[in-house]
C-alpha atoms as a PDB file:
ATOM      1  CA  ASP A   1      28.931  21.514  82.653  1.00  0.00           C
ATOM      2  CA  SER A   2      30.167  25.085  82.369  1.00  0.00           C
ATOM      3  CA  GLU A   3      31.177  25.260  86.045  1.00  0.00           C
ATOM      4  CA  ARG A   4      32.888  21.879  86.498  1.00  0.00           C
ATOM      5  CA  ALA A   5      34.755  22.411  83.230  1.00  0.00           C
ATOM      6  CA  GLN A   6      36.763  25.038  85.088  1.00  0.00           C
ATOM      7  CA  LYS A   7      39.001  22.200  86.338  1.00  0.00           C
ATOM      8  CA  ILE A   8      39.817  21.335  82.712  1.00  0.00           C
ATOM      9  CA  VAL A   9      40.954  24.908  82.100  1.00  0.00           C
ATOM     10  CA  GLU A  10      43.103  24.866  85.245  1.00  0.00           C
ATOM     11  CA  LEU A  11      44.819  21.639  84.243  1.00  0.00           C
ATOM     12  CA  ALA A  12      45.379  22.774  80.659  1.00  0.00           C
ATOM     13  CA  GLN A  13      46.835  26.133  81.610  1.00  0.00           C
ATOM     14  CA  LYS A  14      49.185  24.558  84.173  1.00  0.00           C
ATOM     15  CA  ASN A  15      50.598  22.691  81.178  1.00  0.00           C
ATOM     16  CA  ASN A  16      50.839  25.811  79.003  1.00  0.00           C
ATOM     17  CA  ILE A  17      47.918  24.746  76.808  1.00  0.00           C
ATOM     18  CA  LYS A  18      45.719  27.466  75.328  1.00  0.00           C
ATOM     19  CA  VAL A  19      41.976  27.157  75.977  1.00  0.00           C
ATOM     20  CA  ILE A  20      39.154  28.442  73.773  1.00  0.00           C
ATOM     21  CA  ALA A  21      35.581  28.203  75.084  1.00  0.00           C
ATOM     22  CA  TYR A  22      33.392  27.359  72.097  1.00  0.00           C
ATOM     23  CA  ASP A  23      29.743  28.505  72.155  1.00  0.00           C
ATOM     24  CA  ARG A  24      29.402  28.157  75.951  1.00  0.00           C
ATOM     25  CA  LEU A  25      31.361  30.197  78.474  1.00  0.00           C
ATOM     26  CA  ILE A  26      33.373  28.122  80.974  1.00  0.00           C
ATOM     27  CA  LYS A  27      32.682  29.933  84.220  1.00  0.00           C
ATOM     28  CA  ASN A  28      35.238  31.321  86.661  1.00  0.00           C
ATOM     29  CA  SER A  29      38.133  30.743  84.250  1.00  0.00           C
ATOM     30  CA  PRO A  30      40.838  32.984  82.745  1.00  0.00           C
ATOM     31  CA  LEU A  31      40.161  31.707  79.218  1.00  0.00           C
ATOM     32  CA  ASP A  32      42.434  32.619  76.342  1.00  0.00           C
ATOM     33  CA  LEU A  33      39.422  33.189  74.102  1.00  0.00           C
ATOM     34  CA  PHE A  34      35.649  32.759  73.949  1.00  0.00           C
ATOM     35  CA  ILE A  35      33.875  32.412  70.602  1.00  0.00           C
ATOM     36  CA  THR A  36      30.100  32.481  70.378  1.00  0.00           C
ATOM     37  CA  TYR A  37      27.172  34.215  68.757  1.00  0.00           C
ATOM     38  CA  ASP A  38      26.070  37.495  70.321  1.00  0.00           C
ATOM     39  CA  TYR A  39      23.099  36.305  72.373  1.00  0.00           C
ATOM     40  CA  VAL A  40      22.414  39.712  73.939  1.00  0.00           C
ATOM     41  CA  GLU A  41      22.027  41.128  70.431  1.00  0.00           C
ATOM     42  CA  ILE A  42      19.842  38.194  69.347  1.00  0.00           C
ATOM     43  CA  GLY A  43      17.570  38.954  72.309  1.00  0.00           C
ATOM     44  CA  ARG A  44      17.383  42.595  71.257  1.00  0.00           C
ATOM     45  CA  GLU A  45      16.660  41.661  67.638  1.00  0.00           C
ATOM     46  CA  MET A  46      13.847  39.292  68.647  1.00  0.00           C
ATOM     47  CA  VAL A  47      12.072  42.140  70.410  1.00  0.00           C
ATOM     48  CA  ARG A  48      12.916  44.785  67.794  1.00  0.00           C
ATOM     49  CA  TYR A  49      11.392  42.610  65.095  1.00  0.00           C
ATOM     50  CA  ALA A  50       8.283  41.967  67.214  1.00  0.00           C
ATOM     51  CA  LEU A  51       7.896  45.695  67.918  1.00  0.00           C
ATOM     52  CA  SER A  52       8.231  46.487  64.214  1.00  0.00           C
ATOM     53  CA  GLN A  53       5.246  44.223  63.569  1.00  0.00           C
ATOM     54  CA  LYS A  54       3.290  44.710  66.804  1.00  0.00           C
ATOM     55  CA  PRO A  55       4.263  48.049  68.374  1.00  0.00           C
ATOM     56  CA  TRP A  56       1.261  47.906  70.713  1.00  0.00           C
ATOM     57  CA  GLY A  57      -0.215  45.077  72.707  1.00  0.00           C
ATOM     58  CA  LYS A  58       0.396  42.318  75.196  1.00  0.00           C
ATOM     59  CA  TYR A  59       3.697  40.433  75.256  1.00  0.00           C
ATOM     60  CA  PHE A  60       4.870  37.334  77.113  1.00  0.00           C
ATOM     61  CA  LEU A  61       8.467  36.097  77.486  1.00  0.00           C
ATOM     62  CA  VAL A  62       9.184  32.342  77.391  1.00  0.00           C
ATOM     63  CA  LEU A  63      12.781  32.262  78.577  1.00  0.00           C
ATOM     64  CA  GLY A  64      15.343  29.461  78.390  1.00  0.00           C
ATOM     65  CA  SER A  65      17.052  27.630  81.237  1.00  0.00           C
ATOM     66  CA  ARG A  66      18.054  29.917  84.091  1.00  0.00           C
ATOM     67  CA  GLN A  67      21.255  27.799  84.452  1.00  0.00           C
ATOM     68  CA  ASP A  68      22.349  28.577  80.878  1.00  0.00           C
ATOM     69  CA  VAL A  69      24.368  31.774  80.485  1.00  0.00           C
ATOM     70  CA  ASN A  70      23.169  32.054  76.880  1.00  0.00           C
ATOM     71  CA  ALA A  71      19.573  32.194  78.141  1.00  0.00           C
ATOM     72  CA  LEU A  72      20.554  34.928  80.598  1.00  0.00           C
ATOM     73  CA  TRP A  73      22.158  36.964  77.808  1.00  0.00           C
ATOM     74  CA  LEU A  74      19.079  36.544  75.605  1.00  0.00           C
ATOM     75  CA  TYR A  75      16.914  37.778  78.475  1.00  0.00           C
ATOM     76  CA  GLN A  76      19.189  40.777  79.005  1.00  0.00           C
ATOM     77  CA  GLY A  77      18.810  41.787  75.351  1.00  0.00           C
ATOM     78  CA  GLN A  78      15.058  41.172  75.331  1.00  0.00           C
ATOM     79  CA  LYS A  79      14.462  43.360  78.380  1.00  0.00           C
ATOM     80  CA  GLU A  80      16.735  46.138  77.062  1.00  0.00           C
ATOM     81  CA  ALA A  81      14.825  46.320  73.776  1.00  0.00           C
ATOM     82  CA  LEU A  82      11.411  46.016  75.398  1.00  0.00           C
ATOM     83  CA  GLU A  83      11.909  48.573  78.185  1.00  0.00           C
ATOM     84  CA  PRO A  84      11.254  51.766  76.172  1.00  0.00           C
ATOM     85  CA  ALA A  85       7.915  50.448  74.848  1.00  0.00           C
ATOM     86  CA  LEU A  86       6.950  49.298  78.343  1.00  0.00           C
ATOM     87  CA  SER A  87       7.839  52.700  79.803  1.00  0.00           C
ATOM     88  CA  ARG A  88       5.707  54.482  77.206  1.00  0.00           C
ATOM     89  CA  GLY A  89       2.795  52.175  77.940  1.00  0.00           C
ATOM     90  CA  GLU A  90       2.665  50.910  74.364  1.00  0.00           C
ATOM     91  CA  VAL A  91       3.374  47.327  75.406  1.00  0.00           C
ATOM     92  CA  LYS A  92       2.063  45.447  78.416  1.00  0.00           C
ATOM     93  CA  LEU A  93       4.108  42.501  79.681  1.00  0.00           C
ATOM     94  CA  LEU A  94       1.724  39.735  80.724  1.00  0.00           C
ATOM     95  CA  GLY A  95       4.568  37.858  82.360  1.00  0.00           C
ATOM     96  CA  GLU A  96       7.761  35.901  81.855  1.00  0.00           C
ATOM     97  CA  SER A  97       8.701  32.325  82.655  1.00  0.00           C
ATOM     98  CA  TRP A  98      12.009  30.446  82.749  1.00  0.00           C
ATOM     99  CA  THR A  99      12.004  27.022  81.091  1.00  0.00           C
ATOM    100  CA  PRO A 100      14.128  24.372  82.888  1.00  0.00           C
ATOM    101  CA  ASP A 101      16.332  22.484  80.384  1.00  0.00           C
ATOM    102  CA  TRP A 102      14.716  24.509  77.565  1.00  0.00           C
ATOM    103  CA  SER A 103      11.909  21.925  77.734  1.00  0.00           C
ATOM    104  CA  PRO A 104       9.238  22.222  74.987  1.00  0.00           C
ATOM    105  CA  ALA A 105       6.810  20.413  77.321  1.00  0.00           C
ATOM    106  CA  ARG A 106       7.350  23.039  80.038  1.00  0.00           C
ATOM    107  CA  ALA A 107       6.922  25.885  77.529  1.00  0.00           C
ATOM    108  CA  TYR A 108       3.689  24.262  76.353  1.00  0.00           C
ATOM    109  CA  GLN A 109       2.408  24.049  79.931  1.00  0.00           C
ATOM    110  CA  THR A 110       3.318  27.687  80.611  1.00  0.00           C
ATOM    111  CA  ILE A 111       1.348  28.998  77.644  1.00  0.00           C
ATOM    112  CA  LYS A 112      -1.539  26.578  78.114  1.00  0.00           C
ATOM    113  CA  GLU A 113      -2.002  27.852  81.682  1.00  0.00           C
ATOM    114  CA  LEU A 114      -1.724  31.469  80.481  1.00  0.00           C
ATOM    115  CA  LEU A 115      -4.455  30.934  77.876  1.00  0.00           C
ATOM    116  CA  GLU A 116      -6.646  29.001  80.290  1.00  0.00           C
ATOM    117  CA  ALA A 117      -6.458  32.027  82.594  1.00  0.00           C
ATOM    118  CA  GLY A 118      -7.998  34.107  79.801  1.00  0.00           C
ATOM    119  CA  LYS A 119      -4.788  35.980  78.941  1.00  0.00           C
ATOM    120  CA  THR A 120      -4.043  36.124  75.222  1.00  0.00           C
ATOM    121  CA  PRO A 121      -0.792  37.826  74.149  1.00  0.00           C
ATOM    122  CA  GLU A 122      -0.267  39.353  70.722  1.00  0.00           C
ATOM    123  CA  VAL A 123       3.418  38.422  70.918  1.00  0.00           C
ATOM    124  CA  ILE A 124       5.275  35.540  72.580  1.00  0.00           C
ATOM    125  CA  ILE A 125       9.035  35.970  72.678  1.00  0.00           C
ATOM    126  CA  ALA A 126      10.199  32.339  72.803  1.00  0.00           C
ATOM    127  CA  SER A 127      13.959  32.168  73.340  1.00  0.00           C
ATOM    128  CA  ASN A 128      14.606  29.184  71.059  1.00  0.00           C
ATOM    129  CA  ASP A 129      12.864  26.887  68.602  1.00  0.00           C
ATOM    130  CA  GLY A 130      12.273  24.173  71.206  1.00  0.00           C
ATOM    131  CA  THR A 131      10.334  26.506  73.475  1.00  0.00           C
ATOM    132  CA  ALA A 132       8.576  27.919  70.395  1.00  0.00           C
ATOM    133  CA  GLU A 133       7.448  24.382  69.554  1.00  0.00           C
ATOM    134  CA  GLY A 134       5.786  24.048  72.966  1.00  0.00           C
ATOM    135  CA  VAL A 135       4.280  27.526  72.690  1.00  0.00           C
ATOM    136  CA  ILE A 136       2.754  26.786  69.287  1.00  0.00           C
ATOM    137  CA  LYS A 137       1.345  23.454  70.444  1.00  0.00           C
ATOM    138  CA  ALA A 138      -0.573  25.331  73.161  1.00  0.00           C
ATOM    139  CA  LEU A 139      -1.688  28.022  70.697  1.00  0.00           C
ATOM    140  CA  GLU A 140      -3.003  25.343  68.333  1.00  0.00           C
ATOM    141  CA  GLU A 141      -5.225  23.946  71.067  1.00  0.00           C
ATOM    142  CA  PHE A 142      -6.836  27.373  71.426  1.00  0.00           C
ATOM    143  CA  ASN A 143      -7.067  28.001  67.667  1.00  0.00           C
ATOM    144  CA  LEU A 144      -4.493  30.781  67.939  1.00  0.00           C
ATOM    145  CA  ALA A 145      -1.572  29.378  65.910  1.00  0.00           C
ATOM    146  CA  GLY A 146      -0.625  31.941  63.274  1.00  0.00           C
ATOM    147  CA  LYS A 147      -2.536  34.684  65.084  1.00  0.00           C
ATOM    148  CA  VAL A 148       0.175  35.304  67.683  1.00  0.00           C
ATOM    149  CA  LEU A 149       3.673  36.445  66.712  1.00  0.00           C
ATOM    150  CA  VAL A 150       6.137  33.804  67.974  1.00  0.00           C
ATOM    151  CA  THR A 151       9.931  34.109  67.870  1.00  0.00           C
ATOM    152  CA  GLY A 152      12.572  31.393  68.116  1.00  0.00           C
ATOM    153  CA  MET A 153      16.291  30.700  67.699  1.00  0.00           C
ATOM    154  CA  ASP A 154      18.526  27.953  66.224  1.00  0.00           C
ATOM    155  CA  ALA A 155      16.905  27.549  62.778  1.00  0.00           C
ATOM    156  CA  GLU A 156      15.782  23.981  63.480  1.00  0.00           C
ATOM    157  CA  LEU A 157      14.188  22.273  60.481  1.00  0.00           C
ATOM    158  CA  LYS A 158      10.851  21.934  62.300  1.00  0.00           C
ATOM    159  CA  ALA A 159      10.945  25.656  63.047  1.00  0.00           C
ATOM    160  CA  ILE A 160      11.633  26.561  59.419  1.00  0.00           C
ATOM    161  CA  LYS A 161       8.650  24.398  58.421  1.00  0.00           C
ATOM    162  CA  ARG A 162       6.486  26.185  61.023  1.00  0.00           C
ATOM    163  CA  ILE A 163       7.578  29.523  59.552  1.00  0.00           C
ATOM    164  CA  VAL A 164       6.520  28.337  56.086  1.00  0.00           C
ATOM    165  CA  GLN A 165       3.165  27.265  57.588  1.00  0.00           C
ATOM    166  CA  GLY A 166       2.739  30.667  59.244  1.00  0.00           C
ATOM    167  CA  LYS A 167       2.713  29.271  62.791  1.00  0.00           C
ATOM    168  CA  GLN A 168       6.118  30.629  63.860  1.00  0.00           C
ATOM    169  CA  THR A 169       7.219  34.092  62.764  1.00  0.00           C
ATOM    170  CA  ILE A 170      11.015  34.150  62.951  1.00  0.00           C
ATOM    171  CA  THR A 171      14.051  32.198  64.062  1.00  0.00           C
ATOM    172  CA  PHE A 172      17.787  32.952  64.109  1.00  0.00           C
ATOM    173  CA  TYR A 173      20.336  31.105  62.001  1.00  0.00           C
ATOM    174  CA  MET A 174      23.848  30.757  63.441  1.00  0.00           C
ATOM    175  CA  PRO A 175      26.042  29.232  60.715  1.00  0.00           C
ATOM    176  CA  ILE A 176      28.165  26.496  62.270  1.00  0.00           C
ATOM    177  CA  GLN A 177      30.754  26.803  59.498  1.00  0.00           C
ATOM    178  CA  LEU A 178      31.475  30.442  60.357  1.00  0.00           C
ATOM    179  CA  GLN A 179      31.965  29.693  64.050  1.00  0.00           C
ATOM    180  CA  ALA A 180      34.094  26.619  63.385  1.00  0.00           C
ATOM    181  CA  VAL A 181      36.375  28.371  60.887  1.00  0.00           C
ATOM    182  CA  ARG A 182      36.842  31.407  63.144  1.00  0.00           C
ATOM    183  CA  ALA A 183      37.697  29.079  66.064  1.00  0.00           C
ATOM    184  CA  ALA A 184      40.248  27.185  63.948  1.00  0.00           C
ATOM    185  CA  GLU A 185      41.854  30.437  62.753  1.00  0.00           C
ATOM    186  CA  ALA A 186      41.987  31.723  66.328  1.00  0.00           C
ATOM    187  CA  SER A 187      43.678  28.513  67.472  1.00  0.00           C
ATOM    188  CA  LEU A 188      46.532  29.032  65.016  1.00  0.00           C
ATOM    189  CA  LEU A 189      46.857  32.716  65.901  1.00  0.00           C
ATOM    190  CA  LEU A 190      47.000  31.894  69.625  1.00  0.00           C
ATOM    191  CA  LEU A 191      49.779  29.385  69.010  1.00  0.00           C
ATOM    192  CA  ARG A 192      51.709  32.018  67.067  1.00  0.00           C
ATOM    193  CA  SER A 193      50.997  34.692  69.717  1.00  0.00           C
ATOM    194  CA  GLU A 194      49.479  36.865  66.994  1.00  0.00           C
ATOM    195  CA  PRO A 195      46.510  39.239  67.465  1.00  0.00           C
ATOM    196  CA  ILE A 196      43.063  37.794  66.799  1.00  0.00           C
ATOM    197  CA  PHE A 197      40.844  40.061  64.734  1.00  0.00           C
ATOM    198  CA  GLY A 198      37.429  40.673  66.302  1.00  0.00           C
ATOM    199  CA  SER A 199      38.366  39.506  69.809  1.00  0.00           C
ATOM    200  CA  GLU A 200      38.399  42.968  71.368  1.00  0.00           C
ATOM    201  CA  ASN A 201      35.104  42.322  73.179  1.00  0.00           C
ATOM    202  CA  LEU A 202      35.791  41.619  76.853  1.00  0.00           C
ATOM    203  CA  ILE A 203      33.294  39.449  78.732  1.00  0.00           C
ATOM    204  CA  GLU A 204      33.406  39.545  82.510  1.00  0.00           C
ATOM    205  CA  ASN A 205      33.737  35.998  83.821  1.00  0.00           C
ATOM    206  CA  GLN A 206      33.575  36.067  87.621  1.00  0.00           C
ATOM    207  CA  GLY A 207      36.584  38.330  87.996  1.00  0.00           C
ATOM    208  CA  TYR A 208      38.322  37.501  84.709  1.00  0.00           C
ATOM    209  CA  GLN A 209      38.083  39.558  81.523  1.00  0.00           C
ATOM    210  CA  VAL A 210      37.884  37.144  78.602  1.00  0.00           C
ATOM    211  CA  PRO A 211      38.691  38.267  75.020  1.00  0.00           C
ATOM    212  CA  SER A 212      35.660  37.252  72.981  1.00  0.00           C
ATOM    213  CA  ILE A 213      34.556  36.934  69.371  1.00  0.00           C
ATOM    214  CA  LEU A 214      30.820  37.668  69.186  1.00  0.00           C
ATOM    215  CA  LEU A 215      29.396  36.587  65.850  1.00  0.00           C
ATOM    216  CA  LYS A 216      26.210  38.009  64.335  1.00  0.00           C
ATOM    217  CA  ALA A 217      23.253  35.686  63.860  1.00  0.00           C
ATOM    218  CA  VAL A 218      20.922  35.926  60.852  1.00  0.00           C
ATOM    219  CA  LEU A 219      17.218  36.597  61.313  1.00  0.00           C
ATOM    220  CA  VAL A 220      15.111  34.186  59.256  1.00  0.00           C
ATOM    221  CA  ASP A 221      11.492  34.855  58.319  1.00  0.00           C
ATOM    222  CA  LYS A 222       9.141  33.589  55.627  1.00  0.00           C
ATOM    223  CA  GLU A 223      10.605  35.955  53.047  1.00  0.00           C
ATOM    224  CA  ASN A 224      14.312  35.105  53.247  1.00  0.00           C
ATOM    225  CA  ILE A 225      14.461  31.327  53.782  1.00  0.00           C
ATOM    226  CA  LYS A 226      16.123  30.757  50.384  1.00  0.00           C
ATOM    227  CA  GLU A 227      18.746  33.469  50.958  1.00  0.00           C
ATOM    228  CA  THR A 228      19.655  32.224  54.439  1.00  0.00           C
ATOM    229  CA  VAL A 229      19.320  28.584  55.487  1.00  0.00           C
ATOM    230  CA  ILE A 230      19.063  27.190  51.941  1.00  0.00           C
ATOM    231  CA  ALA A 231      21.883  29.336  50.511  1.00  0.00           C
ATOM    232  CA  GLY A 232      23.973  28.475  53.570  1.00  0.00           C
ATOM    233  CA  GLY A 233      23.561  24.758  52.882  1.00  0.00           C
ATOM    234  CA  LEU A 234      21.783  24.048  56.158  1.00  0.00           C
ATOM    235  CA  TYR A 235      18.712  22.566  54.456  1.00  0.00           C
ATOM    236  CA  SER A 236      17.565  21.864  50.918  1.00  0.00           C
ATOM    237  CA  GLU A 237      14.336  23.195  49.438  1.00  0.00           C
ATOM    238  CA  LYS A 238      13.051  19.619  49.354  1.00  0.00           C
ATOM    239  CA  GLU A 239      13.622  19.183  53.100  1.00  0.00           C
ATOM    240  CA  ILE A 240      11.771  22.395  53.881  1.00  0.00           C
ATOM    241  CA  TYR A 241       8.921  22.421  51.400  1.00  0.00           C
ATOM    242  CA  GLU A 242       8.167  18.718  50.949  1.00  0.00           C
ATOM    243  CA  ASP A 243       6.784  16.492  53.710  1.00  0.00           C
END
């Protein structure tokens, strides 16, 4: 709970204990450091990739949980990247829908209702692989799986398999090892009161400016699976290509 965790930060800092927020921002807290992937940039990249493939047409945004700051950052990046094409009239936004708890079932219902209303997008920007799963289930029922560009995030095994099958177009891989190692290094540097390379980004946190390390995610499509999630040791070829 990113709001209630604020009490943990208070207690720690009263006892001169450094606090690093890992992956999720702890709200309303003067954190010593925040380390995460750059979700605003991931949102931008989702849309940039879609526009490179489908520069014209109808788009729909399946957003994450409105209570999740990462979902809000993704949305910020998506809208920033989409705005120029919308302004030029090249892209029409059929709508956008938040998905409580990132629920695949809710994402499925959203797209099923959209298709039942006779609205068929060329692109669905799904904010993670769970929502993409629900989206694709609805598309399958209308014989549209593989005909609509669908994004995702998290590089879940099921998503990688859907990319191989041509049902999902892309996902984003965020290597856990990189984030964990950078967090461990930062912990030691904080204890030594030494500067932390890459923490010059300041994220506004309800009145506090938090030094932040924003890591770059890796876009994964059908062409680079071996160079990304397999080379990174996330999955083996057998896991991906054999049922």
